[in-house]
Amino acid sequence: MKRAGGKNNWALCLLILAGMVLGGFLGVLTEGNAAFGWLNYGQSFGLDEPIVLNLGLLVITFGLNIKITIASIIGVVLAIIIYRFL
């Protein structure tokens, strides 16, 4: 499905996801560095313990944990800027 401008919404979603992953990766890489340690500062939220649904034959485990860091926010902003220039 395309918008009036011709840009694909799936491309925006993929770019934002890639920005979050790459930003989180950079945050983990700079965790021990004194100059760039602030990039890994953030908040984690979600389920502490996963929810387990045991149906006897099938066991399903649900869990979600999201960590938002400064680096991932910068990655999302850069992804949106890149999308605007596509």
PDB file of N, CA and C in Angstrom:
ATOM      1  N   MET A   1       0.847  -1.167   0.000  1.00  0.00           N
ATOM      2  CA  MET A   1       0.000   0.000   0.000  1.00  0.00           C
ATOM      3  C   MET A   1       0.899   1.239   0.000  1.00  0.00           C
ATOM      4  N   LYS A   2       0.690   2.111  -0.947  1.00  0.00           N
ATOM      5  CA  LYS A   2       1.529   3.289  -1.070  1.00  0.00           C
ATOM      6  C   LYS A   2       0.739   4.548  -0.758  1.00  0.00           C
ATOM      7  N   ARG A   3       1.458   5.510  -0.214  1.00  0.00           N
ATOM      8  CA  ARG A   3       0.844   6.803   0.080  1.00  0.00           C
ATOM      9  C   ARG A   3       0.889   7.686  -1.158  1.00  0.00           C
ATOM     10  N   ALA A   4       0.363   8.897  -1.003  1.00  0.00           N
ATOM     11  CA  ALA A   4       0.314   9.821  -2.131  1.00  0.00           C
ATOM     12  C   ALA A   4       1.713  10.209  -2.590  1.00  0.00           C
ATOM     13  N   GLY A   5       2.676  10.262  -1.659  1.00  0.00           N
ATOM     14  CA  GLY A   5       4.034  10.631  -2.006  1.00  0.00           C
ATOM     15  C   GLY A   5       4.809   9.510  -2.666  1.00  0.00           C
ATOM     16  N   GLY A   6       4.276   8.299  -2.664  1.00  0.00           N
ATOM     17  CA  GLY A   6       4.949   7.184  -3.293  1.00  0.00           C
ATOM     18  C   GLY A   6       5.861   6.415  -2.355  1.00  0.00           C
ATOM     19  N   LYS A   7       5.902   6.770  -1.075  1.00  0.00           N
ATOM     20  CA  LYS A   7       6.769   6.073  -0.129  1.00  0.00           C
ATOM     21  C   LYS A   7       5.998   4.928   0.527  1.00  0.00           C
ATOM     22  N   ASN A   8       6.703   3.883   0.831  1.00  0.00           N
ATOM     23  CA  ASN A   8       6.122   2.693   1.398  1.00  0.00           C
ATOM     24  C   ASN A   8       6.190   2.760   2.926  1.00  0.00           C
ATOM     25  N   ASN A   9       5.074   2.471   3.595  1.00  0.00           N
ATOM     26  CA  ASN A   9       5.052   2.500   5.054  1.00  0.00           C
ATOM     27  C   ASN A   9       5.869   1.372   5.651  1.00  0.00           C
ATOM     28  N   TRP A  10       5.974   0.248   4.952  1.00  0.00           N
ATOM     29  CA  TRP A  10       6.788  -0.855   5.449  1.00  0.00           C
ATOM     30  C   TRP A  10       8.258  -0.478   5.484  1.00  0.00           C
ATOM     31  N   ALA A  11       8.678   0.336   4.558  1.00  0.00           N
ATOM     32  CA  ALA A  11      10.070   0.791   4.553  1.00  0.00           C
ATOM     33  C   ALA A  11      10.355   1.626   5.788  1.00  0.00           C
ATOM     34  N   LEU A  12       9.406   2.465   6.190  1.00  0.00           N
ATOM     35  CA  LEU A  12       9.580   3.261   7.400  1.00  0.00           C
ATOM     36  C   LEU A  12       9.664   2.361   8.629  1.00  0.00           C
ATOM     37  N   CYS A  13       8.799   1.372   8.708  1.00  0.00           N
ATOM     38  CA  CYS A  13       8.828   0.446   9.854  1.00  0.00           C
ATOM     39  C   CYS A  13      10.150  -0.307   9.919  1.00  0.00           C
ATOM     40  N   LEU A  14      10.634  -0.784   8.773  1.00  0.00           N
ATOM     41  CA  LEU A  14      11.900  -1.498   8.755  1.00  0.00           C
ATOM     42  C   LEU A  14      13.078  -0.603   9.098  1.00  0.00           C
ATOM     43  N   LEU A  15      13.050   0.638   8.625  1.00  0.00           N
ATOM     44  CA  LEU A  15      14.118   1.568   8.964  1.00  0.00           C
ATOM     45  C   LEU A  15      14.119   1.915  10.449  1.00  0.00           C
ATOM     46  N   ILE A  16      12.950   2.104  11.044  1.00  0.00           N
ATOM     47  CA  ILE A  16      12.869   2.395  12.474  1.00  0.00           C
ATOM     48  C   ILE A  16      13.368   1.199  13.284  1.00  0.00           C
ATOM     49  N   LEU A  17      12.973  -0.003  12.882  1.00  0.00           N
ATOM     50  CA  LEU A  17      13.443  -1.204  13.572  1.00  0.00           C
ATOM     51  C   LEU A  17      14.954  -1.347  13.458  1.00  0.00           C
ATOM     52  N   ALA A  18      15.487  -1.098  12.276  1.00  0.00           N
ATOM     53  CA  ALA A  18      16.935  -1.176  12.081  1.00  0.00           C
ATOM     54  C   ALA A  18      17.651  -0.102  12.897  1.00  0.00           C
ATOM     55  N   GLY A  19      17.067   1.082  12.981  1.00  0.00           N
ATOM     56  CA  GLY A  19      17.659   2.142  13.796  1.00  0.00           C
ATOM     57  C   GLY A  19      17.683   1.787  15.265  1.00  0.00           C
ATOM     58  N   MET A  20      16.617   1.161  15.754  1.00  0.00           N
ATOM     59  CA  MET A  20      16.580   0.740  17.152  1.00  0.00           C
ATOM     60  C   MET A  20      17.623  -0.339  17.432  1.00  0.00           C
ATOM     61  N   VAL A  21      17.737  -1.306  16.534  1.00  0.00           N
ATOM     62  CA  VAL A  21      18.683  -2.403  16.733  1.00  0.00           C
ATOM     63  C   VAL A  21      20.120  -1.886  16.666  1.00  0.00           C
ATOM     64  N   LEU A  22      20.433  -1.094  15.654  1.00  0.00           N
ATOM     65  CA  LEU A  22      21.796  -0.573  15.522  1.00  0.00           C
ATOM     66  C   LEU A  22      22.140   0.396  16.649  1.00  0.00           C
ATOM     67  N   GLY A  23      21.180   1.204  17.060  1.00  0.00           N
ATOM     68  CA  GLY A  23      21.416   2.106  18.185  1.00  0.00           C
ATOM     69  C   GLY A  23      21.647   1.342  19.479  1.00  0.00           C
ATOM     70  N   GLY A  24      20.860   0.299  19.710  1.00  0.00           N
ATOM     71  CA  GLY A  24      21.068  -0.532  20.893  1.00  0.00           C
ATOM     72  C   GLY A  24      22.415  -1.236  20.857  1.00  0.00           C
ATOM     73  N   PHE A  25      22.804  -1.682  19.675  1.00  0.00           N
ATOM     74  CA  PHE A  25      24.106  -2.328  19.516  1.00  0.00           C
ATOM     75  C   PHE A  25      25.240  -1.351  19.828  1.00  0.00           C
ATOM     76  N   LEU A  26      25.134  -0.115  19.332  1.00  0.00           N
ATOM     77  CA  LEU A  26      26.153   0.896  19.634  1.00  0.00           C
ATOM     78  C   LEU A  26      26.180   1.229  21.122  1.00  0.00           C
ATOM     79  N   GLY A  27      25.010   1.232  21.754  1.00  0.00           N
ATOM     80  CA  GLY A  27      24.957   1.475  23.190  1.00  0.00           C
ATOM     81  C   GLY A  27      25.671   0.401  23.981  1.00  0.00           C
ATOM     82  N   VAL A  28      25.510  -0.848  23.570  1.00  0.00           N
ATOM     83  CA  VAL A  28      26.190  -1.960  24.246  1.00  0.00           C
ATOM     84  C   VAL A  28      27.695  -1.898  23.996  1.00  0.00           C
ATOM     85  N   LEU A  29      28.104  -1.526  22.782  1.00  0.00           N
ATOM     86  CA  LEU A  29      29.528  -1.418  22.468  1.00  0.00           C
ATOM     87  C   LEU A  29      30.217  -0.330  23.279  1.00  0.00           C
ATOM     88  N   THR A  30      29.536   0.759  23.546  1.00  0.00           N
ATOM     89  CA  THR A  30      30.146   1.888  24.251  1.00  0.00           C
ATOM     90  C   THR A  30      29.879   1.847  25.752  1.00  0.00           C
ATOM     91  N   GLU A  31      29.396   0.742  26.269  1.00  0.00           N
ATOM     92  CA  GLU A  31      29.031   0.642  27.676  1.00  0.00           C
ATOM     93  C   GLU A  31      30.233   0.841  28.596  1.00  0.00           C
ATOM     94  N   GLY A  32      31.384   0.289  28.273  1.00  0.00           N
ATOM     95  CA  GLY A  32      32.552   0.403  29.136  1.00  0.00           C
ATOM     96  C   GLY A  32      33.363   1.668  28.920  1.00  0.00           C
ATOM     97  N   ASN A  33      33.088   2.409  27.873  1.00  0.00           N
ATOM     98  CA  ASN A  33      33.836   3.605  27.533  1.00  0.00           C
ATOM     99  C   ASN A  33      33.380   4.770  28.402  1.00  0.00           C
ATOM    100  N   ALA A  34      34.327   5.495  28.979  1.00  0.00           N
ATOM    101  CA  ALA A  34      33.980   6.614  29.852  1.00  0.00           C
ATOM    102  C   ALA A  34      33.387   7.791  29.078  1.00  0.00           C
ATOM    103  N   ALA A  35      33.866   8.011  27.862  1.00  0.00           N
ATOM    104  CA  ALA A  35      33.394   9.162  27.089  1.00  0.00           C
ATOM    105  C   ALA A  35      32.010   8.927  26.491  1.00  0.00           C
ATOM    106  N   PHE A  36      31.716   7.690  26.092  1.00  0.00           N
ATOM    107  CA  PHE A  36      30.449   7.404  25.419  1.00  0.00           C
ATOM    108  C   PHE A  36      29.541   6.477  26.214  1.00  0.00           C
ATOM    109  N   GLY A  37      29.791   6.325  27.487  1.00  0.00           N
ATOM    110  CA  GLY A  37      28.975   5.458  28.321  1.00  0.00           C
ATOM    111  C   GLY A  37      27.544   5.942  28.474  1.00  0.00           C
ATOM    112  N   TRP A  38      27.323   7.227  28.284  1.00  0.00           N
ATOM    113  CA  TRP A  38      25.987   7.806  28.422  1.00  0.00           C
ATOM    114  C   TRP A  38      25.045   7.317  27.322  1.00  0.00           C
ATOM    115  N   LEU A  39      25.576   6.768  26.231  1.00  0.00           N
ATOM    116  CA  LEU A  39      24.715   6.264  25.166  1.00  0.00           C
ATOM    117  C   LEU A  39      23.916   5.038  25.594  1.00  0.00           C
ATOM    118  N   ASN A  40      24.405   4.297  26.591  1.00  0.00           N
ATOM    119  CA  ASN A  40      23.712   3.101  27.046  1.00  0.00           C
ATOM    120  C   ASN A  40      22.759   3.399  28.201  1.00  0.00           C
ATOM    121  N   TYR A  41      22.614   4.643  28.579  1.00  0.00           N
ATOM    122  CA  TYR A  41      21.694   5.011  29.653  1.00  0.00           C
ATOM    123  C   TYR A  41      20.260   4.916  29.131  1.00  0.00           C
ATOM    124  N   GLY A  42      19.408   4.258  29.899  1.00  0.00           N
ATOM    125  CA  GLY A  42      18.030   4.132  29.459  1.00  0.00           C
ATOM    126  C   GLY A  42      17.171   3.406  30.458  1.00  0.00           C
ATOM    127  N   GLN A  43      15.990   3.049  30.027  1.00  0.00           N
ATOM    128  CA  GLN A  43      14.999   2.404  30.876  1.00  0.00           C
ATOM    129  C   GLN A  43      14.540   1.111  30.218  1.00  0.00           C
ATOM    130  N   SER A  44      14.343   0.096  31.041  1.00  0.00           N
ATOM    131  CA  SER A  44      13.851  -1.184  30.565  1.00  0.00           C
ATOM    132  C   SER A  44      12.484  -1.439  31.186  1.00  0.00           C
ATOM    133  N   PHE A  45      11.538  -1.890  30.364  1.00  0.00           N
ATOM    134  CA  PHE A  45      10.212  -2.203  30.885  1.00  0.00           C
ATOM    135  C   PHE A  45       9.643  -3.405  30.150  1.00  0.00           C
ATOM    136  N   GLY A  46       8.699  -4.035  30.787  1.00  0.00           N
ATOM    137  CA  GLY A  46       8.063  -5.221  30.214  1.00  0.00           C
ATOM    138  C   GLY A  46       7.713  -6.205  31.309  1.00  0.00           C
ATOM    139  N   LEU A  47       7.586  -7.458  30.932  1.00  0.00           N
ATOM    140  CA  LEU A  47       7.269  -8.514  31.885  1.00  0.00           C
ATOM    141  C   LEU A  47       8.555  -9.017  32.542  1.00  0.00           C
ATOM    142  N   ASP A  48       8.584  -9.034  33.884  1.00  0.00           N
ATOM    143  CA  ASP A  48       9.752  -9.562  34.578  1.00  0.00           C
ATOM    144  C   ASP A  48       9.827 -11.073  34.451  1.00  0.00           C
ATOM    145  N   GLU A  49       8.706 -11.731  34.634  1.00  0.00           N
ATOM    146  CA  GLU A  49       8.625 -13.182  34.494  1.00  0.00           C
ATOM    147  C   GLU A  49       7.746 -13.502  33.282  1.00  0.00           C
ATOM    148  N   PRO A  50       8.182 -14.417  32.436  1.00  0.00           N
ATOM    149  CA  PRO A  50       7.336 -14.763  31.287  1.00  0.00           C
ATOM    150  C   PRO A  50       6.067 -15.498  31.724  1.00  0.00           C
ATOM    151  N   ILE A  51       5.024 -15.341  30.958  1.00  0.00           N
ATOM    152  CA  ILE A  51       3.755 -16.013  31.209  1.00  0.00           C
ATOM    153  C   ILE A  51       3.775 -17.344  30.451  1.00  0.00           C
ATOM    154  N   VAL A  52       3.551 -18.425  31.172  1.00  0.00           N
ATOM    155  CA  VAL A  52       3.606 -19.759  30.584  1.00  0.00           C
ATOM    156  C   VAL A  52       2.192 -20.323  30.520  1.00  0.00           C
ATOM    157  N   LEU A  53       1.788 -20.753  29.323  1.00  0.00           N
ATOM    158  CA  LEU A  53       0.497 -21.394  29.113  1.00  0.00           C
ATOM    159  C   LEU A  53       0.754 -22.864  28.797  1.00  0.00           C
ATOM    160  N   ASN A  54       0.436 -23.742  29.748  1.00  0.00           N
ATOM    161  CA  ASN A  54       0.680 -25.169  29.596  1.00  0.00           C
ATOM    162  C   ASN A  54      -0.638 -25.852  29.234  1.00  0.00           C
ATOM    163  N   LEU A  55      -0.719 -26.343  28.017  1.00  0.00           N
ATOM    164  CA  LEU A  55      -1.926 -27.016  27.531  1.00  0.00           C
ATOM    165  C   LEU A  55      -1.773 -28.530  27.518  1.00  0.00           C
ATOM    166  N   GLY A  56      -0.788 -29.044  28.206  1.00  0.00           N
ATOM    167  CA  GLY A  56      -0.555 -30.479  28.246  1.00  0.00           C
ATOM    168  C   GLY A  56       0.328 -30.945  27.111  1.00  0.00           C
ATOM    169  N   LEU A  57      -0.152 -30.857  25.911  1.00  0.00           N
ATOM    170  CA  LEU A  57       0.608 -31.258  24.735  1.00  0.00           C
ATOM    171  C   LEU A  57       1.479 -30.114  24.206  1.00  0.00           C
ATOM    172  N   LEU A  58       1.042 -28.905  24.459  1.00  0.00           N
ATOM    173  CA  LEU A  58       1.704 -27.716  23.930  1.00  0.00           C
ATOM    174  C   LEU A  58       1.961 -26.731  25.059  1.00  0.00           C
ATOM    175  N   VAL A  59       3.173 -26.241  25.148  1.00  0.00           N
ATOM    176  CA  VAL A  59       3.527 -25.235  26.145  1.00  0.00           C
ATOM    177  C   VAL A  59       3.921 -23.965  25.405  1.00  0.00           C
ATOM    178  N   ILE A  60       3.222 -22.869  25.696  1.00  0.00           N
ATOM    179  CA  ILE A  60       3.487 -21.585  25.046  1.00  0.00           C
ATOM    180  C   ILE A  60       3.988 -20.613  26.107  1.00  0.00           C
ATOM    181  N   THR A  61       5.073 -19.928  25.821  1.00  0.00           N
ATOM    182  CA  THR A  61       5.652 -18.957  26.738  1.00  0.00           C
ATOM    183  C   THR A  61       5.559 -17.573  26.108  1.00  0.00           C
ATOM    184  N   PHE A  62       4.968 -16.636  26.825  1.00  0.00           N
ATOM    185  CA  PHE A  62       4.843 -15.249  26.375  1.00  0.00           C
ATOM    186  C   PHE A  62       5.760 -14.372  27.216  1.00  0.00           C
ATOM    187  N   GLY A  63       6.489 -13.486  26.577  1.00  0.00           N
ATOM    188  CA  GLY A  63       7.335 -12.556  27.304  1.00  0.00           C
ATOM    189  C   GLY A  63       7.700 -11.375  26.422  1.00  0.00           C
ATOM    190  N   LEU A  64       7.837 -10.235  27.044  1.00  0.00           N
ATOM    191  CA  LEU A  64       8.219  -9.029  26.317  1.00  0.00           C
ATOM    192  C   LEU A  64       9.014  -8.142  27.247  1.00  0.00           C
ATOM    193  N   ASN A  65      10.181  -7.716  26.784  1.00  0.00           N
ATOM    194  CA  ASN A  65      11.015  -6.803  27.551  1.00  0.00           C
ATOM    195  C   ASN A  65      11.639  -5.828  26.567  1.00  0.00           C
ATOM    196  N   ILE A  66      11.452  -4.547  26.791  1.00  0.00           N
ATOM    197  CA  ILE A  66      11.942  -3.511  25.888  1.00  0.00           C
ATOM    198  C   ILE A  66      12.897  -2.613  26.662  1.00  0.00           C
ATOM    199  N   LYS A  67      14.071  -2.369  26.082  1.00  0.00           N
ATOM    200  CA  LYS A  67      15.035  -1.466  26.686  1.00  0.00           C
ATOM    201  C   LYS A  67      15.245  -0.287  25.732  1.00  0.00           C
ATOM    202  N   ILE A  68      14.877   0.878  26.193  1.00  0.00           N
ATOM    203  CA  ILE A  68      15.038   2.099  25.395  1.00  0.00           C
ATOM    204  C   ILE A  68      16.245   2.846  25.938  1.00  0.00           C
ATOM    205  N   THR A  69      17.225   3.084  25.075  1.00  0.00           N
ATOM    206  CA  THR A  69      18.429   3.801  25.465  1.00  0.00           C
ATOM    207  C   THR A  69      18.578   5.065  24.624  1.00  0.00           C
ATOM    208  N   ILE A  70      19.508   5.896  25.038  1.00  0.00           N
ATOM    209  CA  ILE A  70      19.788   7.125  24.279  1.00  0.00           C
ATOM    210  C   ILE A  70      20.257   6.768  22.862  1.00  0.00           C
ATOM    211  N   ALA A  71      21.086   5.740  22.735  1.00  0.00           N
ATOM    212  CA  ALA A  71      21.588   5.337  21.420  1.00  0.00           C
ATOM    213  C   ALA A  71      20.463   4.845  20.520  1.00  0.00           C
ATOM    214  N   SER A  72      19.493   4.121  21.074  1.00  0.00           N
ATOM    215  CA  SER A  72      18.393   3.645  20.230  1.00  0.00           C
ATOM    216  C   SER A  72      17.487   4.796  19.800  1.00  0.00           C
ATOM    217  N   ILE A  73      17.325   5.800  20.644  1.00  0.00           N
ATOM    218  CA  ILE A  73      16.546   6.983  20.253  1.00  0.00           C
ATOM    219  C   ILE A  73      17.251   7.730  19.130  1.00  0.00           C
ATOM    220  N   ILE A  74      18.561   7.859  19.230  1.00  0.00           N
ATOM    221  CA  ILE A  74      19.331   8.506  18.158  1.00  0.00           C
ATOM    222  C   ILE A  74      19.217   7.690  16.872  1.00  0.00           C
ATOM    223  N   GLY A  75      19.243   6.359  16.979  1.00  0.00           N
ATOM    224  CA  GLY A  75      19.087   5.500  15.800  1.00  0.00           C
ATOM    225  C   GLY A  75      17.739   5.667  15.137  1.00  0.00           C
ATOM    226  N   VAL A  76      16.672   5.810  15.928  1.00  0.00           N
ATOM    227  CA  VAL A  76      15.330   6.009  15.370  1.00  0.00           C
ATOM    228  C   VAL A  76      15.241   7.358  14.665  1.00  0.00           C
ATOM    229  N   VAL A  77      15.805   8.387  15.279  1.00  0.00           N
ATOM    230  CA  VAL A  77      15.782   9.723  14.656  1.00  0.00           C
ATOM    231  C   VAL A  77      16.538   9.700  13.333  1.00  0.00           C
ATOM    232  N   LEU A  78      17.698   9.058  13.314  1.00  0.00           N
ATOM    233  CA  LEU A  78      18.453   8.962  12.062  1.00  0.00           C
ATOM    234  C   LEU A  78      17.705   8.155  11.006  1.00  0.00           C
ATOM    235  N   ALA A  79      16.991   7.105  11.425  1.00  0.00           N
ATOM    236  CA  ALA A  79      16.205   6.310  10.473  1.00  0.00           C
ATOM    237  C   ALA A  79      15.088   7.141   9.855  1.00  0.00           C
ATOM    238  N   ILE A  80      14.442   7.968  10.659  1.00  0.00           N
ATOM    239  CA  ILE A  80      13.362   8.823  10.128  1.00  0.00           C
ATOM    240  C   ILE A  80      13.924   9.859   9.171  1.00  0.00           C
ATOM    241  N   ILE A  81      15.105  10.410   9.499  1.00  0.00           N
ATOM    242  CA  ILE A  81      15.738  11.383   8.598  1.00  0.00           C
ATOM    243  C   ILE A  81      16.116  10.716   7.276  1.00  0.00           C
ATOM    244  N   ILE A  82      16.657   9.499   7.330  1.00  0.00           N
ATOM    245  CA  ILE A  82      17.006   8.775   6.115  1.00  0.00           C
ATOM    246  C   ILE A  82      15.742   8.484   5.297  1.00  0.00           C
ATOM    247  N   TYR A  83      14.650   8.131   5.951  1.00  0.00           N
ATOM    248  CA  TYR A  83      13.405   7.850   5.238  1.00  0.00           C
ATOM    249  C   TYR A  83      12.875   9.074   4.506  1.00  0.00           C
ATOM    250  N   ARG A  84      13.045  10.232   5.091  1.00  0.00           N
ATOM    251  CA  ARG A  84      12.560  11.458   4.441  1.00  0.00           C
ATOM    252  C   ARG A  84      13.316  11.748   3.153  1.00  0.00           C
ATOM    253  N   PHE A  85      14.586  11.309   3.085  1.00  0.00           N
ATOM    254  CA  PHE A  85      15.382  11.576   1.884  1.00  0.00           C
ATOM    255  C   PHE A  85      15.268  10.468   0.831  1.00  0.00           C
ATOM    256  N   LEU A  86      14.534   9.394   1.136  1.00  0.00           N
ATOM    257  CA  LEU A  86      14.362   8.324   0.142  1.00  0.00           C
ATOM    258  C   LEU A  86      13.387   8.717  -0.945  1.00  0.00           C
TER     259      LEU A  86
END
